[in-house]
N, C-alpha and C. Protein backbone atom coordinates (compact mmCIF):
# COMPACT_ATOMS: atom_id res chain seq x y z
N MET A 1 -51.58 8.07 -2.29
CA MET A 1 -52.39 8.65 -3.33
C MET A 1 -51.90 10.08 -3.46
N PRO A 2 -51.55 10.59 -4.51
CA PRO A 2 -51.80 10.23 -5.90
C PRO A 2 -50.86 9.14 -6.43
N HIS A 3 -51.35 8.48 -7.48
CA HIS A 3 -50.57 7.48 -8.19
C HIS A 3 -50.15 8.09 -9.53
N LEU A 4 -48.87 8.04 -9.83
CA LEU A 4 -48.37 8.47 -11.13
C LEU A 4 -47.94 7.23 -11.90
N ILE A 5 -48.52 7.04 -13.06
CA ILE A 5 -48.22 5.88 -13.89
C ILE A 5 -47.59 6.42 -15.17
N THR A 6 -46.32 6.07 -15.39
CA THR A 6 -45.60 6.62 -16.53
C THR A 6 -45.43 5.57 -17.62
N ARG A 7 -45.38 6.06 -18.84
CA ARG A 7 -45.01 5.19 -19.96
C ARG A 7 -44.31 6.06 -21.01
N GLY A 8 -43.43 5.42 -21.76
CA GLY A 8 -42.68 6.15 -22.77
C GLY A 8 -41.57 7.02 -22.18
N ILE A 9 -41.25 6.82 -20.91
CA ILE A 9 -40.19 7.57 -20.24
C ILE A 9 -39.26 6.54 -19.62
N PRO A 10 -37.98 6.60 -19.94
CA PRO A 10 -37.05 5.61 -19.38
C PRO A 10 -37.11 5.60 -17.85
N THR A 11 -37.09 4.41 -17.29
CA THR A 11 -37.16 4.24 -15.84
C THR A 11 -36.07 5.04 -15.13
N GLU A 12 -34.88 5.06 -15.68
CA GLU A 12 -33.79 5.82 -15.05
C GLU A 12 -34.09 7.31 -14.99
N PHE A 13 -34.80 7.84 -15.97
CA PHE A 13 -35.19 9.25 -15.94
C PHE A 13 -36.19 9.49 -14.81
N VAL A 14 -37.17 8.59 -14.69
CA VAL A 14 -38.17 8.73 -13.63
C VAL A 14 -37.50 8.61 -12.27
N ARG A 15 -36.60 7.65 -12.16
CA ARG A 15 -35.87 7.45 -10.91
C ARG A 15 -35.07 8.70 -10.54
N ALA A 16 -34.44 9.33 -11.51
CA ALA A 16 -33.61 10.50 -11.26
C ALA A 16 -34.41 11.69 -10.73
N ILE A 17 -35.64 11.84 -11.19
CA ILE A 17 -36.45 12.99 -10.76
C ILE A 17 -37.41 12.67 -9.63
N SER A 18 -37.52 11.40 -9.25
CA SER A 18 -38.58 10.98 -8.33
C SER A 18 -38.55 11.72 -6.99
N ARG A 19 -37.41 11.83 -6.36
CA ARG A 19 -37.37 12.46 -5.04
C ARG A 19 -37.71 13.95 -5.10
N PRO A 20 -37.04 14.76 -5.95
CA PRO A 20 -37.41 16.18 -5.99
C PRO A 20 -38.84 16.40 -6.50
N LEU A 21 -39.28 15.55 -7.42
CA LEU A 21 -40.64 15.68 -7.93
C LEU A 21 -41.66 15.44 -6.82
N VAL A 22 -41.52 14.34 -6.10
CA VAL A 22 -42.48 14.02 -5.04
C VAL A 22 -42.42 15.07 -3.93
N ASP A 23 -41.24 15.58 -3.62
CA ASP A 23 -41.14 16.65 -2.62
C ASP A 23 -41.98 17.86 -3.05
N GLU A 24 -41.85 18.25 -4.31
CA GLU A 24 -42.61 19.39 -4.81
C GLU A 24 -44.11 19.09 -4.87
N LEU A 25 -44.46 17.90 -5.35
CA LEU A 25 -45.88 17.55 -5.45
C LEU A 25 -46.55 17.47 -4.08
N ALA A 26 -45.81 17.04 -3.07
CA ALA A 26 -46.36 17.00 -1.71
C ALA A 26 -46.70 18.41 -1.24
N ARG A 27 -45.85 19.38 -1.59
CA ARG A 27 -46.15 20.77 -1.23
C ARG A 27 -47.37 21.27 -2.00
N VAL A 28 -47.44 20.94 -3.28
CA VAL A 28 -48.58 21.35 -4.12
C VAL A 28 -49.88 20.79 -3.57
N CYS A 29 -49.86 19.51 -3.15
CA CYS A 29 -51.07 18.83 -2.69
C CYS A 29 -51.31 18.98 -1.19
N ASP A 30 -50.35 19.59 -0.49
CA ASP A 30 -50.44 19.77 0.96
C ASP A 30 -50.64 18.42 1.66
N CYS A 31 -49.74 17.48 1.34
CA CYS A 31 -49.78 16.16 1.96
C CYS A 31 -48.36 15.63 2.11
N GLY A 32 -48.21 14.50 2.74
CA GLY A 32 -46.90 13.91 2.94
C GLY A 32 -46.38 13.22 1.69
N THR A 33 -45.07 13.10 1.61
CA THR A 33 -44.47 12.42 0.46
C THR A 33 -44.82 10.94 0.42
N ASP A 34 -45.17 10.36 1.57
CA ASP A 34 -45.50 8.94 1.61
C ASP A 34 -46.86 8.64 1.00
N ASN A 35 -47.58 9.67 0.58
CA ASN A 35 -48.87 9.46 -0.08
C ASN A 35 -48.73 9.14 -1.57
N PHE A 36 -47.55 9.29 -2.13
CA PHE A 36 -47.35 9.15 -3.57
C PHE A 36 -46.80 7.79 -3.95
N THR A 37 -47.25 7.29 -5.09
CA THR A 37 -46.63 6.12 -5.71
C THR A 37 -46.34 6.47 -7.17
N ILE A 38 -45.23 5.95 -7.66
CA ILE A 38 -44.86 6.15 -9.06
C ILE A 38 -44.57 4.77 -9.64
N GLU A 39 -45.15 4.50 -10.79
CA GLU A 39 -44.89 3.24 -11.49
C GLU A 39 -44.47 3.54 -12.91
N CYS A 40 -43.53 2.75 -13.41
CA CYS A 40 -43.03 2.90 -14.77
C CYS A 40 -43.47 1.70 -15.59
N LEU A 41 -44.36 1.94 -16.52
CA LEU A 41 -44.81 0.86 -17.40
C LEU A 41 -43.86 0.75 -18.59
N GLN A 42 -43.47 -0.45 -18.91
CA GLN A 42 -42.64 -0.69 -20.09
C GLN A 42 -43.58 -0.98 -21.25
N THR A 43 -43.57 -0.13 -22.26
CA THR A 43 -44.50 -0.25 -23.37
C THR A 43 -43.76 -0.32 -24.70
N THR A 44 -44.45 -0.81 -25.70
CA THR A 44 -43.93 -0.85 -27.06
C THR A 44 -44.93 -0.15 -27.96
N GLY A 45 -44.48 0.88 -28.64
CA GLY A 45 -45.34 1.59 -29.56
C GLY A 45 -45.34 0.94 -30.93
N VAL A 46 -46.47 1.02 -31.59
CA VAL A 46 -46.60 0.49 -32.94
C VAL A 46 -47.30 1.54 -33.79
N PHE A 47 -46.74 1.82 -34.96
CA PHE A 47 -47.37 2.74 -35.90
C PHE A 47 -47.06 2.28 -37.31
N ASP A 48 -48.10 2.16 -38.10
CA ASP A 48 -47.96 1.82 -39.52
C ASP A 48 -47.14 0.55 -39.72
N GLY A 49 -47.40 -0.44 -38.87
CA GLY A 49 -46.73 -1.72 -38.99
C GLY A 49 -45.30 -1.75 -38.48
N GLU A 50 -44.85 -0.68 -37.85
CA GLU A 50 -43.48 -0.59 -37.36
C GLU A 50 -43.48 -0.36 -35.85
N LEU A 51 -42.39 -0.79 -35.20
CA LEU A 51 -42.20 -0.49 -33.79
C LEU A 51 -41.64 0.92 -33.68
N VAL A 52 -42.24 1.72 -32.81
CA VAL A 52 -41.81 3.10 -32.61
C VAL A 52 -41.73 3.37 -31.10
N PRO A 53 -40.96 4.36 -30.70
CA PRO A 53 -40.92 4.70 -29.28
C PRO A 53 -42.30 5.14 -28.79
N SER A 54 -42.63 4.75 -27.58
CA SER A 54 -43.88 5.20 -26.98
C SER A 54 -43.76 6.68 -26.63
N PHE A 55 -44.84 7.43 -26.82
CA PHE A 55 -44.83 8.86 -26.50
C PHE A 55 -44.85 9.03 -24.99
N PRO A 56 -44.06 9.96 -24.44
CA PRO A 56 -44.05 10.19 -22.99
C PRO A 56 -45.44 10.60 -22.49
N PHE A 57 -45.95 9.84 -21.54
CA PHE A 57 -47.30 10.05 -21.02
C PHE A 57 -47.33 9.69 -19.55
N ILE A 58 -47.95 10.54 -18.76
CA ILE A 58 -48.14 10.26 -17.33
C ILE A 58 -49.61 10.37 -17.00
N GLU A 59 -50.14 9.30 -16.40
CA GLU A 59 -51.51 9.31 -15.90
C GLU A 59 -51.44 9.50 -14.39
N VAL A 60 -52.20 10.45 -13.91
CA VAL A 60 -52.25 10.75 -12.49
C VAL A 60 -53.64 10.33 -11.98
N ALA A 61 -53.67 9.33 -11.13
CA ALA A 61 -54.92 8.87 -10.52
C ALA A 61 -54.94 9.39 -9.10
N TRP A 62 -56.00 10.11 -8.74
CA TRP A 62 -56.06 10.76 -7.43
C TRP A 62 -57.48 11.13 -7.06
N PHE A 63 -57.63 11.64 -5.84
CA PHE A 63 -58.89 12.27 -5.45
C PHE A 63 -58.78 13.72 -5.88
N GLU A 64 -59.80 14.21 -6.55
CA GLU A 64 -59.78 15.55 -7.14
C GLU A 64 -59.43 16.61 -6.09
N ARG A 65 -58.57 17.54 -6.50
CA ARG A 65 -58.13 18.61 -5.61
C ARG A 65 -58.39 20.00 -6.20
N GLY A 66 -59.08 20.07 -7.32
CA GLY A 66 -59.42 21.35 -7.92
C GLY A 66 -58.48 21.76 -9.04
N GLN A 67 -58.95 22.68 -9.86
CA GLN A 67 -58.23 23.12 -11.06
C GLN A 67 -56.88 23.75 -10.73
N GLU A 68 -56.82 24.59 -9.73
CA GLU A 68 -55.56 25.27 -9.41
C GLU A 68 -54.48 24.26 -9.02
N VAL A 69 -54.82 23.31 -8.15
CA VAL A 69 -53.85 22.29 -7.74
C VAL A 69 -53.49 21.41 -8.93
N ARG A 70 -54.46 21.06 -9.74
CA ARG A 70 -54.21 20.23 -10.93
C ARG A 70 -53.23 20.93 -11.87
N ASP A 71 -53.45 22.23 -12.10
CA ASP A 71 -52.56 23.00 -12.97
C ASP A 71 -51.14 23.04 -12.41
N ARG A 72 -51.00 23.32 -11.12
CA ARG A 72 -49.68 23.40 -10.50
C ARG A 72 -48.99 22.03 -10.52
N PHE A 73 -49.76 20.98 -10.30
CA PHE A 73 -49.24 19.61 -10.32
C PHE A 73 -48.68 19.30 -11.71
N ALA A 74 -49.46 19.57 -12.75
CA ALA A 74 -49.03 19.28 -14.13
C ALA A 74 -47.80 20.11 -14.49
N GLN A 75 -47.76 21.36 -14.07
CA GLN A 75 -46.61 22.21 -14.36
C GLN A 75 -45.35 21.68 -13.67
N ALA A 76 -45.50 21.20 -12.45
CA ALA A 76 -44.35 20.65 -11.73
C ALA A 76 -43.84 19.39 -12.42
N VAL A 77 -44.74 18.50 -12.80
CA VAL A 77 -44.33 17.27 -13.49
C VAL A 77 -43.60 17.64 -14.79
N ASP A 78 -44.17 18.54 -15.56
CA ASP A 78 -43.57 18.94 -16.83
C ASP A 78 -42.18 19.54 -16.62
N ALA A 79 -42.03 20.39 -15.63
CA ALA A 79 -40.73 21.02 -15.36
C ALA A 79 -39.68 19.98 -14.98
N HIS A 80 -40.04 19.01 -14.17
CA HIS A 80 -39.09 17.96 -13.78
C HIS A 80 -38.73 17.07 -14.96
N LEU A 81 -39.68 16.77 -15.83
CA LEU A 81 -39.38 15.97 -17.02
C LEU A 81 -38.38 16.69 -17.92
N LYS A 82 -38.51 18.00 -18.02
CA LYS A 82 -37.59 18.77 -18.85
C LYS A 82 -36.16 18.68 -18.34
N THR A 83 -35.98 18.52 -17.03
CA THR A 83 -34.62 18.44 -16.48
C THR A 83 -33.89 17.18 -16.91
N VAL A 84 -34.62 16.16 -17.35
CA VAL A 84 -33.98 14.93 -17.84
C VAL A 84 -34.09 14.80 -19.36
N GLY A 85 -34.45 15.90 -20.01
CA GLY A 85 -34.46 15.91 -21.47
C GLY A 85 -35.75 15.52 -22.14
N ILE A 86 -36.82 15.34 -21.39
CA ILE A 86 -38.13 15.06 -21.99
C ILE A 86 -38.77 16.41 -22.29
N SER A 87 -38.72 16.82 -23.55
CA SER A 87 -39.19 18.16 -23.91
C SER A 87 -40.69 18.23 -24.18
N GLU A 88 -41.30 17.07 -24.41
CA GLU A 88 -42.74 17.04 -24.70
C GLU A 88 -43.34 15.80 -24.07
N ALA A 89 -44.40 15.99 -23.31
CA ALA A 89 -45.10 14.88 -22.66
C ALA A 89 -46.55 15.28 -22.44
N GLU A 90 -47.39 14.29 -22.28
CA GLU A 90 -48.79 14.54 -21.96
C GLU A 90 -49.07 13.99 -20.58
N ILE A 91 -49.96 14.69 -19.87
CA ILE A 91 -50.35 14.32 -18.50
C ILE A 91 -51.86 14.31 -18.46
N ALA A 92 -52.43 13.24 -17.95
CA ALA A 92 -53.89 13.14 -17.83
C ALA A 92 -54.24 12.77 -16.40
N PHE A 93 -55.30 13.35 -15.90
CA PHE A 93 -55.75 13.10 -14.53
C PHE A 93 -57.01 12.25 -14.55
N VAL A 94 -57.04 11.26 -13.68
CA VAL A 94 -58.20 10.41 -13.47
C VAL A 94 -58.60 10.59 -12.01
N ALA A 95 -59.82 11.05 -11.79
CA ALA A 95 -60.26 11.32 -10.41
C ALA A 95 -61.06 10.14 -9.87
N TYR A 96 -60.60 9.63 -8.74
CA TYR A 96 -61.34 8.60 -8.03
C TYR A 96 -62.45 9.24 -7.20
N GLN A 97 -63.52 8.52 -7.03
CA GLN A 97 -64.61 8.93 -6.15
C GLN A 97 -64.42 8.21 -4.82
N GLU A 98 -64.48 8.92 -3.72
CA GLU A 98 -64.21 8.31 -2.42
C GLU A 98 -65.14 7.14 -2.12
N ASP A 99 -66.40 7.22 -2.55
CA ASP A 99 -67.33 6.13 -2.26
C ASP A 99 -67.13 4.91 -3.16
N SER A 100 -66.23 5.03 -4.15
CA SER A 100 -65.93 3.92 -5.04
C SER A 100 -64.49 3.42 -4.88
N TYR A 101 -63.83 3.85 -3.83
CA TYR A 101 -62.44 3.49 -3.57
C TYR A 101 -62.39 2.67 -2.29
N TYR A 102 -61.73 1.52 -2.36
CA TYR A 102 -61.70 0.60 -1.22
C TYR A 102 -60.26 0.34 -0.80
N VAL A 103 -60.04 0.25 0.49
CA VAL A 103 -58.76 -0.10 1.07
C VAL A 103 -58.99 -1.33 1.94
N ASN A 104 -58.33 -2.43 1.62
CA ASN A 104 -58.49 -3.68 2.35
C ASN A 104 -59.96 -4.09 2.46
N GLY A 105 -60.69 -3.92 1.36
CA GLY A 105 -62.08 -4.35 1.31
C GLY A 105 -63.08 -3.42 1.96
N LYS A 106 -62.61 -2.28 2.47
CA LYS A 106 -63.50 -1.31 3.12
C LYS A 106 -63.55 -0.03 2.33
N ARG A 107 -64.77 0.49 2.17
CA ARG A 107 -64.94 1.73 1.41
C ARG A 107 -64.21 2.87 2.10
N PHE A 108 -63.48 3.64 1.30
CA PHE A 108 -62.66 4.74 1.81
C PHE A 108 -63.50 5.92 2.28
N GLY A 109 -64.50 6.30 1.47
CA GLY A 109 -65.27 7.52 1.76
C GLY A 109 -66.57 7.27 2.44
């Protein structure tokens, strides 16, 4: 945890930045790199009856760490995306509640 779910970004781009990105995010979150998962969703955009490229979007699902960490996290993701030519992307955070998160059928919090 955190989980990064990407769409509209080529898998090879995500793969290229994954190691340095996770290294930086681990420092931002003060946790190990093994806490992170990244998934690349293959999507098809549709607009006005036509197929269009999906807009670059990353959803971050995590346990809330506060505004400062969230800001630094988003800035790090954005900076790494720029290194592979993604000049514009959106990032959204979804905060899990510890008492509503289960691991192997047992409540986490």
